[in-house]
């Protein structure tokens, strides 16, 4: 019998990473609209979640390399298979690009030395030393460049998220493929 679901580890990582990304996007939308004294805790949580996503997506990719995805249904059209493949590749790239660009940008922040990174307030995780050691002019250029890359990556994430969720819902509700069961929601096909 062909495997129709992802492994339990893959399913757990998928949903944990997805929820963390949604929370992180919400934090970025919220902090421009809160009082100044509340901004820093929101940014700190955003950075903590971002570095957590980086660690989890690394684990997810390693798991995926050793535990292949279940095959797509045979009736999927070639373009649907290609679209699913490239959207997944794009999501992996963006899930690395966003936290890495944020980490470089944060390491180049002019006041980084006076604002330590505390992972959920439990321990300090380091900034990128060679970036912090740059002269002030270079540091600002790095900060601005990676800040722009971070913002553009965020917009690409929105597009890929829409394509990913839209494709899954199309297969689930229009094609009746039990697509969501592949990733842990509902019963898999017998």
Protein backbone atom coordinates (compact mmCIF):
# COMPACT_ATOMS: atom_id res chain seq x y z
CA UNK A 1 0.00 0.00 0.00
CA UNK A 2 1.40 3.41 -1.00
CA UNK A 3 2.20 5.90 1.73
CA UNK A 4 -0.31 8.76 1.60
CA UNK A 5 0.67 10.80 4.68
CA UNK A 6 3.77 12.59 5.81
CA UNK A 7 5.47 11.16 8.90
CA UNK A 8 4.36 12.35 12.32
CA UNK A 9 7.60 14.32 12.76
CA UNK A 10 7.11 16.05 9.39
CA UNK A 11 3.50 16.87 10.24
CA UNK A 12 4.43 18.29 13.64
CA UNK A 13 7.24 20.41 12.20
CA UNK A 14 4.99 21.65 9.36
CA UNK A 15 2.31 22.92 11.74
CA UNK A 16 4.69 24.30 14.39
CA UNK A 17 6.68 26.22 11.77
CA UNK A 18 3.48 27.43 10.10
CA UNK A 19 2.01 28.76 13.34
CA UNK A 20 5.30 30.44 14.31
CA UNK A 21 5.51 32.16 10.92
CA UNK A 22 1.91 33.41 11.21
CA UNK A 23 2.62 34.75 14.72
CA UNK A 24 5.80 36.43 13.47
CA UNK A 25 3.99 38.11 10.59
CA UNK A 26 1.31 39.29 13.04
CA UNK A 27 3.98 40.75 15.34
CA UNK A 28 5.51 42.70 12.44
CA UNK A 29 2.07 44.07 11.54
CA UNK A 30 1.27 44.98 15.15
CA UNK A 31 4.37 46.80 16.38
CA UNK A 32 3.96 49.92 14.20
CA UNK A 33 0.60 50.46 15.92
CA UNK A 34 1.52 50.11 19.60
CA UNK A 35 2.94 52.53 22.13
CA UNK A 36 6.74 52.91 22.09
CA UNK A 37 7.23 51.07 25.37
CA UNK A 38 5.60 47.95 23.89
CA UNK A 39 7.56 47.89 20.62
CA UNK A 40 10.85 46.45 21.95
CA UNK A 41 9.22 43.34 23.55
CA UNK A 42 7.35 42.65 20.29
CA UNK A 43 10.55 42.99 18.25
CA UNK A 44 12.40 40.73 20.71
CA UNK A 45 9.70 38.09 20.38
CA UNK A 46 9.82 38.47 16.58
CA UNK A 47 13.58 37.83 16.60
CA UNK A 48 13.23 34.89 18.99
CA UNK A 49 10.54 33.28 16.86
CA UNK A 50 12.57 33.95 13.71
CA UNK A 51 15.66 32.17 15.04
CA UNK A 52 13.42 29.33 16.27
CA UNK A 53 11.94 28.99 12.78
CA UNK A 54 15.48 28.86 11.36
CA UNK A 55 16.35 25.97 13.70
CA UNK A 56 13.08 24.14 13.06
CA UNK A 57 13.19 24.53 9.28
CA UNK A 58 16.75 23.18 9.33
CA UNK A 59 15.44 20.14 11.21
CA UNK A 60 12.50 19.90 8.79
CA UNK A 61 14.77 19.97 5.75
CA UNK A 62 17.08 17.32 7.21
CA UNK A 63 14.05 15.17 8.04
CA UNK A 64 12.65 15.66 4.53
CA UNK A 65 15.95 14.62 2.94
CA UNK A 66 15.85 11.33 4.85
CA UNK A 67 12.06 10.79 4.77
CA UNK A 68 10.62 11.53 1.31
CA UNK A 69 7.21 13.10 0.93
CA UNK A 70 4.33 10.80 0.04
CA UNK A 71 3.72 10.77 -3.69
CA UNK A 72 1.14 13.11 -5.15
CA UNK A 73 -1.98 11.44 -6.55
CA UNK A 74 -1.36 10.13 -10.06
CA UNK A 75 -4.20 12.16 -11.55
CA UNK A 76 -2.51 15.49 -10.76
CA UNK A 77 -1.57 17.30 -13.93
CA UNK A 78 2.10 17.84 -14.76
CA UNK A 79 1.84 21.60 -14.20
CA UNK A 80 0.28 20.99 -10.77
CA UNK A 81 3.16 18.72 -9.78
CA UNK A 82 5.70 21.27 -11.01
CA UNK A 83 3.89 24.13 -9.26
CA UNK A 84 3.77 22.18 -5.98
CA UNK A 85 7.48 21.36 -6.26
CA UNK A 86 8.57 24.93 -6.96
CA UNK A 87 6.30 26.47 -4.31
CA UNK A 88 7.81 24.08 -1.75
CA UNK A 89 11.35 24.94 -2.90
CA UNK A 90 10.46 28.63 -2.66
CA UNK A 91 9.02 28.20 0.82
CA UNK A 92 12.18 26.46 2.03
CA UNK A 93 14.35 29.21 0.53
CA UNK A 94 12.24 31.96 2.10
CA UNK A 95 12.13 30.18 5.47
CA UNK A 96 15.93 30.36 5.45
CA UNK A 97 16.21 33.82 3.84
CA UNK A 98 13.89 35.59 6.29
CA UNK A 99 15.56 34.61 9.57
CA UNK A 100 19.08 34.83 8.13
CA UNK A 101 18.50 38.30 6.65
CA UNK A 102 16.88 39.36 9.93
CA UNK A 103 19.82 38.02 11.92
CA UNK A 104 22.36 39.88 9.75
CA UNK A 105 20.25 43.06 9.88
CA UNK A 106 19.92 42.78 13.65
CA UNK A 107 23.66 42.14 14.04
CA UNK A 108 24.31 45.34 12.06
CA UNK A 109 21.87 47.39 14.18
CA UNK A 110 23.72 50.43 15.55
CA UNK A 111 22.54 49.74 19.11
CA UNK A 112 22.91 45.95 18.98
CA UNK A 113 25.53 45.93 21.74
CA UNK A 114 23.12 47.54 24.20
CA UNK A 115 20.14 45.30 23.28
CA UNK A 116 21.07 41.63 23.85
CA UNK A 117 19.08 38.91 22.09
CA UNK A 118 17.32 36.79 24.68
CA UNK A 119 15.66 33.64 23.42
CA UNK A 120 12.22 33.84 25.06
CA UNK A 121 14.01 35.57 27.94
CA UNK A 122 15.84 32.36 28.86
CA UNK A 123 19.33 32.79 27.45
CA UNK A 124 21.27 35.11 25.20
CA UNK A 125 21.91 33.94 21.66
CA UNK A 126 24.71 35.61 19.76
CA UNK A 127 24.74 38.09 17.01
CA UNK A 128 27.03 37.61 14.04
CA UNK A 129 30.40 38.81 15.34
CA UNK A 130 32.03 39.91 12.08
CA UNK A 131 28.96 42.01 11.25
CA UNK A 132 28.99 43.70 14.66
CA UNK A 133 32.71 44.42 14.20
CA UNK A 134 32.19 46.43 11.00
CA UNK A 135 32.86 50.17 11.00
CA UNK A 136 29.71 52.30 11.51
CA UNK A 137 29.31 53.27 7.84
CA UNK A 138 29.64 49.67 6.60
CA UNK A 139 27.40 48.46 9.38
CA UNK A 140 24.63 50.87 8.32
CA UNK A 141 24.97 49.75 4.69
CA UNK A 142 24.72 46.10 5.73
CA UNK A 143 21.77 46.90 8.00
CA UNK A 144 19.92 48.73 5.25
CA UNK A 145 20.66 46.14 2.55
CA UNK A 146 19.59 43.17 4.66
CA UNK A 147 16.62 45.12 6.02
CA UNK A 148 15.46 45.61 2.43
CA UNK A 149 16.09 41.94 1.64
CA UNK A 150 14.10 40.99 4.76
CA UNK A 151 11.15 43.15 3.67
CA UNK A 152 11.16 41.79 0.09
CA UNK A 153 11.44 38.23 1.40
CA UNK A 154 8.40 38.89 3.58
CA UNK A 155 6.36 39.88 0.52
CA UNK A 156 7.53 36.78 -1.34
CA UNK A 157 6.46 34.72 1.70
CA UNK A 158 2.92 36.12 1.40
CA UNK A 159 2.75 35.05 -2.25
CA UNK A 160 4.14 31.56 -1.58
CA UNK A 161 1.85 31.11 1.44
CA UNK A 162 -1.16 32.03 -0.72
CA UNK A 163 -0.09 29.59 -3.44
CA UNK A 164 0.63 26.81 -0.91
CA UNK A 165 -2.63 27.13 0.98
CA UNK A 166 -4.65 27.86 -2.15
CA UNK A 167 -3.29 24.76 -3.89
CA UNK A 168 -3.99 22.57 -0.89
CA UNK A 169 -7.55 23.88 -0.56
CA UNK A 170 -8.18 23.47 -4.31
CA UNK A 171 -7.10 19.82 -4.14
CA UNK A 172 -9.05 19.25 -0.92
CA UNK A 173 -12.37 20.84 -1.81
CA UNK A 174 -12.54 21.04 -5.61
CA UNK A 175 -10.63 17.91 -6.62
CA UNK A 176 -11.71 15.97 -3.49
CA UNK A 177 -8.20 14.56 -3.01
CA UNK A 178 -8.12 14.48 0.82
CA UNK A 179 -5.06 16.70 0.50
CA UNK A 180 -5.21 17.90 4.10
CA UNK A 181 -5.03 14.31 5.37
CA UNK A 182 -1.51 14.13 3.87
CA UNK A 183 -0.45 16.71 6.45
CA UNK A 184 -2.42 15.42 9.41
CA UNK A 185 -5.96 16.79 9.10
CA UNK A 186 -8.57 14.09 8.60
CA UNK A 187 -8.28 10.49 7.51
CA UNK A 188 -5.94 9.41 4.78
CA UNK A 189 -7.32 7.51 1.80
CA UNK A 190 -7.51 3.78 2.31
